[in-house]
Each structure stands twice: as structure tokens, then as C-alpha cells.
PDB file of all heavy atoms in Angstrom:
ATOM      1  N   LEU A   1     -16.822 -15.038 -15.948  1.00  0.00           N
ATOM      2  CA  LEU A   1     -15.970 -15.876 -15.097  1.00  0.00           C
ATOM      3  C   LEU A   1     -14.567 -16.005 -15.747  1.00  0.00           C
ATOM      4  O   LEU A   1     -13.548 -15.892 -15.060  1.00  0.00           O
ATOM      5  CB  LEU A   1     -16.583 -17.266 -14.905  1.00  0.00           C
ATOM      6  CG  LEU A   1     -15.747 -18.229 -14.068  1.00  0.00           C
ATOM      7  CD1 LEU A   1     -15.507 -17.693 -12.662  1.00  0.00           C
ATOM      8  CD2 LEU A   1     -16.412 -19.582 -14.007  1.00  0.00           C
ATOM      9  N   ILE A   2     -14.502 -16.212 -17.028  1.00  0.00           N
ATOM     10  CA  ILE A   2     -13.223 -16.322 -17.735  1.00  0.00           C
ATOM     11  C   ILE A   2     -12.467 -14.996 -17.636  1.00  0.00           C
ATOM     12  O   ILE A   2     -11.261 -14.969 -17.352  1.00  0.00           O
ATOM     13  CB  ILE A   2     -13.428 -16.722 -19.198  1.00  0.00           C
ATOM     14  CG1 ILE A   2     -13.934 -18.164 -19.258  1.00  0.00           C
ATOM     15  CG2 ILE A   2     -12.144 -16.554 -20.004  1.00  0.00           C
ATOM     16  CD1 ILE A   2     -14.416 -18.599 -20.645  1.00  0.00           C
ATOM     17  N   ARG A   3     -13.152 -13.880 -17.824  1.00  0.00           N
ATOM     18  CA  ARG A   3     -12.516 -12.568 -17.719  1.00  0.00           C
ATOM     19  C   ARG A   3     -11.964 -12.332 -16.313  1.00  0.00           C
ATOM     20  O   ARG A   3     -10.836 -11.872 -16.145  1.00  0.00           O
ATOM     21  CB  ARG A   3     -13.512 -11.470 -18.082  1.00  0.00           C
ATOM     22  CG  ARG A   3     -12.930 -10.065 -18.092  1.00  0.00           C
ATOM     23  CD  ARG A   3     -13.967  -9.001 -18.368  1.00  0.00           C
ATOM     24  NE  ARG A   3     -15.160  -9.103 -17.543  1.00  0.00           N
ATOM     25  CZ  ARG A   3     -15.219  -8.714 -16.260  1.00  0.00           C
ATOM     26  NH1 ARG A   3     -14.166  -8.238 -15.652  1.00  0.00           N
ATOM     27  NH2 ARG A   3     -16.346  -8.836 -15.579  1.00  0.00           N
ATOM     28  N   ILE A   4     -12.745 -12.703 -15.311  1.00  0.00           N
ATOM     29  CA  ILE A   4     -12.303 -12.523 -13.920  1.00  0.00           C
ATOM     30  C   ILE A   4     -11.098 -13.422 -13.612  1.00  0.00           C
ATOM     31  O   ILE A   4     -10.150 -12.992 -12.964  1.00  0.00           O
ATOM     32  CB  ILE A   4     -13.481 -12.806 -12.942  1.00  0.00           C
ATOM     33  CG1 ILE A   4     -14.520 -11.686 -13.066  1.00  0.00           C
ATOM     34  CG2 ILE A   4     -12.985 -12.922 -11.508  1.00  0.00           C
ATOM     35  CD1 ILE A   4     -15.831 -11.984 -12.384  1.00  0.00           C
ATOM     36  N   GLN A   5     -11.135 -14.655 -14.101  1.00  0.00           N
ATOM     37  CA  GLN A   5      -9.999 -15.568 -13.887  1.00  0.00           C
ATOM     38  C   GLN A   5      -8.738 -15.011 -14.561  1.00  0.00           C
ATOM     39  O   GLN A   5      -7.654 -15.049 -13.980  1.00  0.00           O
ATOM     40  CB  GLN A   5     -10.304 -16.964 -14.418  1.00  0.00           C
ATOM     41  CG  GLN A   5     -11.288 -17.726 -13.546  1.00  0.00           C
ATOM     42  CD  GLN A   5     -11.666 -19.058 -14.175  1.00  0.00           C
ATOM     43  OE1 GLN A   5     -11.640 -19.228 -15.396  1.00  0.00           O
ATOM     44  NE2 GLN A   5     -12.032 -20.002 -13.336  1.00  0.00           N
ATOM     45  N   ASP A   6      -8.872 -14.501 -15.776  1.00  0.00           N
ATOM     46  CA  ASP A   6      -7.738 -13.929 -16.479  1.00  0.00           C
ATOM     47  C   ASP A   6      -7.187 -12.718 -15.722  1.00  0.00           C
ATOM     48  O   ASP A   6      -5.972 -12.525 -15.622  1.00  0.00           O
ATOM     49  CB  ASP A   6      -8.104 -13.529 -17.916  1.00  0.00           C
ATOM     50  CG  ASP A   6      -8.300 -14.740 -18.828  1.00  0.00           C
ATOM     51  OD1 ASP A   6      -7.903 -15.843 -18.439  1.00  0.00           O
ATOM     52  OD2 ASP A   6      -8.865 -14.552 -19.918  1.00  0.00           O
ATOM     53  N   GLU A   7      -8.075 -11.897 -15.213  1.00  0.00           N
ATOM     54  CA  GLU A   7      -7.677 -10.725 -14.429  1.00  0.00           C
ATOM     55  C   GLU A   7      -6.912 -11.153 -13.184  1.00  0.00           C
ATOM     56  O   GLU A   7      -5.861 -10.595 -12.857  1.00  0.00           O
ATOM     57  CB  GLU A   7      -8.904  -9.890 -14.053  1.00  0.00           C
ATOM     58  CG  GLU A   7      -8.655  -8.788 -13.070  1.00  0.00           C
ATOM     59  CD  GLU A   7      -7.861  -7.618 -13.643  1.00  0.00           C
ATOM     60  OE1 GLU A   7      -7.702  -7.513 -14.866  1.00  0.00           O
ATOM     61  OE2 GLU A   7      -7.411  -6.795 -12.836  1.00  0.00           O
ATOM     62  N   MET A   8      -7.404 -12.171 -12.479  1.00  0.00           N
ATOM     63  CA  MET A   8      -6.730 -12.633 -11.278  1.00  0.00           C
ATOM     64  C   MET A   8      -5.353 -13.214 -11.614  1.00  0.00           C
ATOM     65  O   MET A   8      -4.369 -12.947 -10.914  1.00  0.00           O
ATOM     66  CB  MET A   8      -7.554 -13.690 -10.544  1.00  0.00           C
ATOM     67  CG  MET A   8      -6.942 -14.119  -9.230  1.00  0.00           C
ATOM     68  SD  MET A   8      -8.036 -15.273  -8.418  1.00  0.00           S
ATOM     69  CE  MET A   8      -7.067 -15.625  -6.990  1.00  0.00           C
ATOM     70  N   LYS A   9      -5.229 -13.973 -12.686  1.00  0.00           N
ATOM     71  CA  LYS A   9      -3.943 -14.548 -13.089  1.00  0.00           C
ATOM     72  C   LYS A   9      -2.930 -13.438 -13.390  1.00  0.00           C
ATOM     73  O   LYS A   9      -1.730 -13.608 -13.122  1.00  0.00           O
ATOM     74  CB  LYS A   9      -4.103 -15.443 -14.316  1.00  0.00           C
ATOM     75  CG  LYS A   9      -4.723 -16.773 -13.999  1.00  0.00           C
ATOM     76  CD  LYS A   9      -4.888 -17.611 -15.264  1.00  0.00           C
ATOM     77  CE  LYS A   9      -5.640 -18.877 -14.968  1.00  0.00           C
ATOM     78  NZ  LYS A   9      -5.904 -19.650 -16.191  1.00  0.00           N
ATOM     79  N   ALA A  10      -3.378 -12.325 -13.935  1.00  0.00           N
ATOM     80  CA  ALA A  10      -2.469 -11.220 -14.247  1.00  0.00           C
ATOM     81  C   ALA A  10      -1.880 -10.605 -12.980  1.00  0.00           C
ATOM     82  O   ALA A  10      -0.850  -9.930 -13.040  1.00  0.00           O
ATOM     83  CB  ALA A  10      -3.219 -10.147 -15.046  1.00  0.00           C
ATOM     84  N   HIS A  11      -2.514 -10.834 -11.848  1.00  0.00           N
ATOM     85  CA  HIS A  11      -2.040 -10.270 -10.579  1.00  0.00           C
ATOM     86  C   HIS A  11      -1.438 -11.319  -9.647  1.00  0.00           C
ATOM     87  O   HIS A  11      -1.240 -11.072  -8.468  1.00  0.00           O
ATOM     88  CB  HIS A  11      -3.195  -9.552  -9.854  1.00  0.00           C
ATOM     89  CG  HIS A  11      -3.663  -8.350 -10.606  1.00  0.00           C
ATOM     90  ND1 HIS A  11      -2.975  -7.138 -10.561  1.00  0.00           N
ATOM     91  CD2 HIS A  11      -4.698  -8.149 -11.435  1.00  0.00           C
ATOM     92  CE1 HIS A  11      -3.610  -6.262 -11.317  1.00  0.00           C
ATOM     93  NE2 HIS A  11      -4.642  -6.849 -11.872  1.00  0.00           N
ATOM     94  N   THR A  12      -1.155 -12.493 -10.156  1.00  0.00           N
ATOM     95  CA  THR A  12      -0.613 -13.567  -9.338  1.00  0.00           C
ATOM     96  C   THR A  12       0.900 -13.592  -9.420  1.00  0.00           C
ATOM     97  O   THR A  12       1.468 -13.520 -10.508  1.00  0.00           O
ATOM     98  CB  THR A  12      -1.182 -14.930  -9.816  1.00  0.00           C
ATOM     99  OG1 THR A  12      -2.603 -14.896  -9.712  1.00  0.00           O
ATOM    100  CG2 THR A  12      -0.646 -16.079  -8.995  1.00  0.00           C
ATOM    101  N   ARG A  13       1.547 -13.666  -8.276  1.00  0.00           N
ATOM    102  CA  ARG A  13       3.006 -13.744  -8.191  1.00  0.00           C
ATOM    103  C   ARG A  13       3.342 -14.911  -7.273  1.00  0.00           C
ATOM    104  O   ARG A  13       2.641 -15.191  -6.304  1.00  0.00           O
ATOM    105  CB  ARG A  13       3.621 -12.469  -7.590  1.00  0.00           C
ATOM    106  CG  ARG A  13       3.405 -11.246  -8.399  1.00  0.00           C
ATOM    107  CD  ARG A  13       4.171 -11.297  -9.711  1.00  0.00           C
ATOM    108  NE  ARG A  13       3.938 -10.151 -10.527  1.00  0.00           N
ATOM    109  CZ  ARG A  13       2.886 -10.003 -11.354  1.00  0.00           C
ATOM    110  NH1 ARG A  13       1.992 -10.931 -11.457  1.00  0.00           N
ATOM    111  NH2 ARG A  13       2.755  -8.924 -12.084  1.00  0.00           N
ATOM    112  N   GLU A  14       4.478 -15.540  -7.544  1.00  0.00           N
ATOM    113  CA  GLU A  14       4.957 -16.628  -6.697  1.00  0.00           C
ATOM    114  C   GLU A  14       6.001 -16.053  -5.737  1.00  0.00           C
ATOM    115  O   GLU A  14       6.944 -15.394  -6.161  1.00  0.00           O
ATOM    116  CB  GLU A  14       5.588 -17.719  -7.554  1.00  0.00           C
ATOM    117  CG  GLU A  14       6.088 -18.889  -6.733  1.00  0.00           C
ATOM    118  CD  GLU A  14       6.657 -19.982  -7.602  1.00  0.00           C
ATOM    119  OE1 GLU A  14       5.925 -20.493  -8.464  1.00  0.00           O
ATOM    120  OE2 GLU A  14       7.849 -20.289  -7.432  1.00  0.00           O
ATOM    121  N   PHE A  15       5.811 -16.328  -4.458  1.00  0.00           N
ATOM    122  CA  PHE A  15       6.754 -15.900  -3.434  1.00  0.00           C
ATOM    123  C   PHE A  15       7.406 -17.126  -2.834  1.00  0.00           C
ATOM    124  O   PHE A  15       6.753 -18.134  -2.587  1.00  0.00           O
ATOM    125  CB  PHE A  15       6.051 -15.139  -2.297  1.00  0.00           C
ATOM    126  CG  PHE A  15       5.708 -13.730  -2.648  1.00  0.00           C
ATOM    127  CD1 PHE A  15       4.505 -13.432  -3.267  1.00  0.00           C
ATOM    128  CD2 PHE A  15       6.577 -12.693  -2.365  1.00  0.00           C
ATOM    129  CE1 PHE A  15       4.182 -12.133  -3.601  1.00  0.00           C
ATOM    130  CE2 PHE A  15       6.257 -11.389  -2.698  1.00  0.00           C
ATOM    131  CZ  PHE A  15       5.059 -11.108  -3.316  1.00  0.00           C
ATOM    132  N   ALA A  16       8.697 -17.057  -2.582  1.00  0.00           N
ATOM    133  CA  ALA A  16       9.420 -18.087  -1.870  1.00  0.00           C
ATOM    134  C   ALA A  16       9.782 -17.528  -0.515  1.00  0.00           C
ATOM    135  O   ALA A  16      10.451 -16.498  -0.413  1.00  0.00           O
ATOM    136  CB  ALA A  16      10.675 -18.492  -2.633  1.00  0.00           C
ATOM    137  N   LEU A  17       9.299 -18.146   0.526  1.00  0.00           N
ATOM    138  CA  LEU A  17       9.593 -17.738   1.899  1.00  0.00           C
ATOM    139  C   LEU A  17      10.534 -18.780   2.480  1.00  0.00           C
ATOM    140  O   LEU A  17      10.159 -19.926   2.688  1.00  0.00           O
ATOM    141  CB  LEU A  17       8.293 -17.648   2.729  1.00  0.00           C
ATOM    142  CG  LEU A  17       7.244 -16.705   2.167  1.00  0.00           C
ATOM    143  CD1 LEU A  17       5.964 -16.798   2.980  1.00  0.00           C
ATOM    144  CD2 LEU A  17       7.748 -15.295   2.111  1.00  0.00           C
ATOM    145  N   TRP A  18      11.783 -18.388   2.749  1.00  0.00           N
ATOM    146  CA  TRP A  18      12.805 -19.339   3.134  1.00  0.00           C
ATOM    147  C   TRP A  18      13.463 -18.874   4.427  1.00  0.00           C
ATOM    148  O   TRP A  18      14.457 -18.139   4.407  1.00  0.00           O
ATOM    149  CB  TRP A  18      13.830 -19.432   2.009  1.00  0.00           C
ATOM    150  CG  TRP A  18      14.702 -20.622   2.030  1.00  0.00           C
ATOM    151  CD1 TRP A  18      14.754 -21.626   2.964  1.00  0.00           C
ATOM    152  CD2 TRP A  18      15.718 -20.912   1.085  1.00  0.00           C
ATOM    153  NE1 TRP A  18      15.728 -22.541   2.617  1.00  0.00           N
ATOM    154  CE2 TRP A  18      16.325 -22.133   1.462  1.00  0.00           C
ATOM    155  CE3 TRP A  18      16.164 -20.277  -0.077  1.00  0.00           C
ATOM    156  CZ2 TRP A  18      17.357 -22.713   0.746  1.00  0.00           C
ATOM    157  CZ3 TRP A  18      17.188 -20.871  -0.787  1.00  0.00           C
ATOM    158  CH2 TRP A  18      17.774 -22.060  -0.384  1.00  0.00           C
ATOM    159  N   PRO A  19      12.970 -19.319   5.586  1.00  0.00           N
ATOM    160  CA  PRO A  19      13.505 -18.882   6.885  1.00  0.00           C
ATOM    161  C   PRO A  19      15.016 -19.115   7.034  1.00  0.00           C
ATOM    162  O   PRO A  19      15.693 -18.310   7.682  1.00  0.00           O
ATOM    163  CB  PRO A  19      12.723 -19.699   7.902  1.00  0.00           C
ATOM    164  CG  PRO A  19      11.394 -19.930   7.210  1.00  0.00           C
ATOM    165  CD  PRO A  19      11.753 -20.137   5.765  1.00  0.00           C
ATOM    166  N   LEU A  20      15.572 -20.159   6.431  1.00  0.00           N
ATOM    167  CA  LEU A  20      17.018 -20.392   6.508  1.00  0.00           C
ATOM    168  C   LEU A  20      17.786 -19.178   6.007  1.00  0.00           C
ATOM    169  O   LEU A  20      18.768 -18.747   6.621  1.00  0.00           O
ATOM    170  CB  LEU A  20      17.413 -21.635   5.703  1.00  0.00           C
ATOM    171  CG  LEU A  20      18.921 -21.900   5.600  1.00  0.00           C
ATOM    172  CD1 LEU A  20      19.488 -22.256   6.966  1.00  0.00           C
ATOM    173  CD2 LEU A  20      19.196 -22.983   4.566  1.00  0.00           C
ATOM    174  N   LYS A  21      17.344 -18.588   4.891  1.00  0.00           N
ATOM    175  CA  LYS A  21      18.041 -17.417   4.319  1.00  0.00           C
ATOM    176  C   LYS A  21      17.795 -16.172   5.186  1.00  0.00           C
ATOM    177  O   LYS A  21      18.665 -15.299   5.252  1.00  0.00           O
ATOM    178  CB  LYS A  21      17.586 -17.172   2.874  1.00  0.00           C
ATOM    179  CG  LYS A  21      18.062 -18.271   1.940  1.00  0.00           C
ATOM    180  CD  LYS A  21      19.579 -18.354   1.954  1.00  0.00           C
ATOM    181  CE  LYS A  21      20.094 -19.483   1.106  1.00  0.00           C
ATOM    182  NZ  LYS A  21      21.541 -19.646   1.236  1.00  0.00           N
ATOM    183  N   TRP A  22      16.670 -16.093   5.855  1.00  0.00           N
ATOM    184  CA  TRP A  22      16.437 -14.970   6.755  1.00  0.00           C
ATOM    185  C   TRP A  22      17.428 -15.049   7.921  1.00  0.00           C
ATOM    186  O   TRP A  22      18.002 -14.047   8.336  1.00  0.00           O
ATOM    187  CB  TRP A  22      15.030 -14.996   7.327  1.00  0.00           C
ATOM    188  CG  TRP A  22      13.920 -14.975   6.318  1.00  0.00           C
ATOM    189  CD1 TRP A  22      13.999 -14.582   5.010  1.00  0.00           C
ATOM    190  CD2 TRP A  22      12.588 -15.364   6.529  1.00  0.00           C
ATOM    191  NE1 TRP A  22      12.793 -14.713   4.392  1.00  0.00           N
ATOM    192  CE2 TRP A  22      11.884 -15.200   5.301  1.00  0.00           C
ATOM    193  CE3 TRP A  22      11.888 -15.858   7.612  1.00  0.00           C
ATOM    194  CZ2 TRP A  22      10.526 -15.485   5.159  1.00  0.00           C
ATOM    195  CZ3 TRP A  22      10.539 -16.156   7.486  1.00  0.00           C
ATOM    196  CH2 TRP A  22       9.884 -15.962   6.258  1.00  0.00           C
ATOM    197  N   GLN A  23      17.613 -16.266   8.444  1.00  0.00           N
ATOM    198  CA  GLN A  23      18.510 -16.450   9.581  1.00  0.00           C
ATOM    199  C   GLN A  23      19.974 -16.232   9.193  1.00  0.00           C
ATOM    200  O   GLN A  23      20.780 -15.801  10.017  1.00  0.00           O
ATOM    201  CB  GLN A  23      18.325 -17.854  10.151  1.00  0.00           C
ATOM    202  CG  GLN A  23      16.976 -18.090  10.756  1.00  0.00           C
ATOM    203  CD  GLN A  23      16.623 -19.558  10.899  1.00  0.00           C
ATOM    204  OE1 GLN A  23      17.409 -20.442  10.581  1.00  0.00           O
ATOM    205  NE2 GLN A  23      15.406 -19.819  11.372  1.00  0.00           N
ATOM    206  N   GLN A  24      20.333 -16.513   7.951  1.00  0.00           N
ATOM    207  CA  GLN A  24      21.700 -16.338   7.492  1.00  0.00           C
ATOM    208  C   GLN A  24      22.042 -14.889   7.136  1.00  0.00           C
ATOM    209  O   GLN A  24      23.216 -14.549   7.007  1.00  0.00           O
ATOM    210  CB  GLN A  24      21.967 -17.235   6.264  1.00  0.00           C
ATOM    211  CG  GLN A  24      21.987 -18.690   6.601  1.00  0.00           C
ATOM    212  CD  GLN A  24      22.105 -19.577   5.366  1.00  0.00           C
ATOM    213  OE1 GLN A  24      21.945 -19.126   4.249  1.00  0.00           O
ATOM    214  NE2 GLN A  24      22.385 -20.861   5.604  1.00  0.00           N
ATOM    215  N   TYR A  25      21.034 -14.057   6.999  1.00  0.00           N
ATOM    216  CA  TYR A  25      21.263 -12.665   6.651  1.00  0.00           C
ATOM    217  C   TYR A  25      22.045 -11.982   7.774  1.00  0.00           C
ATOM    218  O   TYR A  25      21.700 -12.094   8.953  1.00  0.00           O
ATOM    219  CB  TYR A  25      19.941 -11.939   6.402  1.00  0.00           C
ATOM    220  CG  TYR A  25      20.127 -10.472   6.119  1.00  0.00           C
ATOM    221  CD1 TYR A  25      20.547 -10.025   4.880  1.00  0.00           C
ATOM    222  CD2 TYR A  25      19.911  -9.524   7.112  1.00  0.00           C
ATOM    223  CE1 TYR A  25      20.744  -8.685   4.629  1.00  0.00           C
ATOM    224  CE2 TYR A  25      20.095  -8.164   6.860  1.00  0.00           C
ATOM    225  CZ  TYR A  25      20.519  -7.764   5.611  1.00  0.00           C
ATOM    226  OH  TYR A  25      20.716  -6.442   5.350  1.00  0.00           O
ATOM    227  N   VAL A  26      23.093 -11.272   7.415  1.00  0.00           N
ATOM    228  CA  VAL A  26      23.901 -10.527   8.393  1.00  0.00           C
ATOM    229  C   VAL A  26      23.408  -9.076   8.377  1.00  0.00           C
ATOM    230  O   VAL A  26      23.584  -8.357   7.394  1.00  0.00           O
ATOM    231  CB  VAL A  26      25.395 -10.580   8.050  1.00  0.00           C
ATOM    232  CG1 VAL A  26      26.199  -9.759   9.032  1.00  0.00           C
ATOM    233  CG2 VAL A  26      25.874 -12.039   7.996  1.00  0.00           C
TER     234      VAL A  26
END
């Protein structure tokens, strides 16, 4: 379980989804 958790953490990324910036894109 510890090995699997460590493996999953190695593949975790934080994404910021910000519609305001999508709308401002020209």
C-alpha cells in the first residue's frame, strides 16, 4: 500500500483551470 501510494504521488500534478484567462485569450 505504501509503495502504491508513493507511485501515485509521483504521477500527481496540480492543474489550475481558470475560465477567465480562457476568455481573455486573443
